[in-house]
Amino acid sequence: MKGFLPEQDPLSQLPLAFDAWQTMANALPQQLLNTRFRTEIEQLPVFPVEQLQSQPELECAMRLLSYLGHAYVWTTGSEPAQQLPARLATA
């Protein structure tokens, strides 16, 4: 029994097709200090949303994109971004 928590733990990794995105998210604490963070997000490959195959994968992708989107807007050392790049907005 897990009390109020779900029976299954959420996924912590997406499949290999999402590796560039997963790597960026895993390094997020360090990336926030990187003055090129926004540029690096803009250069990521297209997010292969069509390869998500299950509800847990969808939820993991939502968390990952939410974290990266929030970080993109509020990157330290600059003004908040007024819009998200297509890489984040259309995924």
Protein backbone atom coordinates (compact mmCIF):
# COMPACT_ATOMS: atom_id res chain seq x y z
CA MET A 1 0.00 0.00 0.00
CA LYS A 2 1.16 3.48 -0.82
CA GLY A 3 -1.50 5.48 0.94
CA PHE A 4 -2.57 8.39 -1.25
CA LEU A 5 0.17 7.76 -3.86
CA PRO A 6 -0.58 5.95 -7.12
CA GLU A 7 0.00 2.19 -7.23
CA GLN A 8 2.69 2.54 -9.93
CA ASP A 9 5.54 5.02 -9.70
CA PRO A 10 5.67 7.56 -12.53
CA LEU A 11 8.20 7.01 -15.31
CA SER A 12 11.48 8.78 -14.77
CA GLN A 13 12.84 8.27 -18.31
CA LEU A 14 11.35 8.46 -21.77
CA PRO A 15 12.38 6.04 -24.57
CA LEU A 16 15.65 6.53 -26.47
CA ALA A 17 13.97 8.64 -29.20
CA PHE A 18 13.66 11.42 -26.60
CA ASP A 19 17.27 11.22 -25.45
CA ALA A 20 18.29 14.81 -26.35
CA TRP A 21 15.30 16.18 -24.47
CA GLN A 22 15.81 13.84 -21.51
CA THR A 23 19.49 14.79 -21.29
CA MET A 24 18.60 18.49 -21.22
CA ALA A 25 16.00 17.92 -18.50
CA ASN A 26 18.34 15.77 -16.41
CA ALA A 27 20.97 18.53 -16.51
CA LEU A 28 18.47 21.29 -15.77
CA PRO A 29 20.02 22.51 -12.48
CA GLN A 30 23.36 23.05 -14.22
CA GLN A 31 21.72 24.34 -17.39
CA LEU A 32 20.00 27.14 -15.49
CA LEU A 33 23.43 28.68 -14.92
CA ASN A 34 24.31 28.37 -18.60
CA THR A 35 23.91 31.65 -20.48
CA ARG A 36 23.23 29.65 -23.67
CA PHE A 37 20.31 27.68 -22.20
CA ARG A 38 17.67 29.25 -24.43
CA THR A 39 19.80 28.78 -27.53
CA GLU A 40 20.38 25.13 -26.65
CA ILE A 41 16.64 24.55 -26.16
CA GLU A 42 15.98 26.15 -29.57
CA GLN A 43 18.49 23.76 -31.17
CA LEU A 44 17.00 20.55 -29.79
CA PRO A 45 15.55 18.17 -32.39
CA VAL A 46 11.81 18.10 -32.92
CA PHE A 47 10.08 16.41 -29.97
CA PRO A 48 8.84 13.06 -31.41
CA VAL A 49 5.43 13.21 -29.73
CA GLU A 50 4.03 10.57 -32.11
CA GLN A 51 6.33 8.02 -30.47
CA LEU A 52 4.68 8.33 -27.05
CA GLN A 53 2.83 5.06 -26.60
CA SER A 54 1.26 5.02 -23.15
CA GLN A 55 -0.33 7.19 -20.50
CA PRO A 56 2.79 7.00 -18.28
CA GLU A 57 4.94 8.15 -21.21
CA LEU A 58 2.54 11.03 -21.90
CA GLU A 59 2.68 12.09 -18.26
CA CYS A 60 6.49 11.88 -18.20
CA ALA A 61 6.69 13.95 -21.40
CA MET A 62 4.32 16.53 -19.91
CA ARG A 63 6.53 16.91 -16.84
CA LEU A 64 9.69 17.15 -18.91
CA LEU A 65 8.24 19.77 -21.27
CA SER A 66 6.72 21.71 -18.38
CA TYR A 67 10.07 21.90 -16.57
CA LEU A 68 11.93 22.94 -19.70
CA GLY A 69 9.26 25.47 -20.69
CA HIS A 70 9.26 27.06 -17.26
CA ALA A 71 13.07 27.17 -17.24
CA TYR A 72 13.10 28.70 -20.73
CA VAL A 73 10.84 31.56 -19.62
CA TRP A 74 12.60 32.22 -16.32
CA THR A 75 16.26 31.53 -17.20
CA THR A 76 18.51 33.37 -14.77
CA GLY A 77 20.38 36.47 -15.84
CA SER A 78 17.88 37.67 -18.42
CA GLU A 79 14.40 39.05 -18.84
CA PRO A 80 11.55 36.51 -18.94
CA ALA A 81 10.91 35.18 -22.44
CA GLN A 82 7.77 36.58 -24.04
CA GLN A 83 7.10 33.44 -26.07
CA LEU A 84 8.20 29.83 -26.25
CA PRO A 85 10.13 28.51 -29.24
CA ALA A 86 8.28 26.18 -31.59
CA ARG A 87 10.32 23.26 -30.16
CA LEU A 88 8.48 23.67 -26.86
CA ALA A 89 5.20 25.23 -27.93
CA THR A 90 4.15 22.64 -30.49
CA ALA A 91 5.37 19.47 -28.83
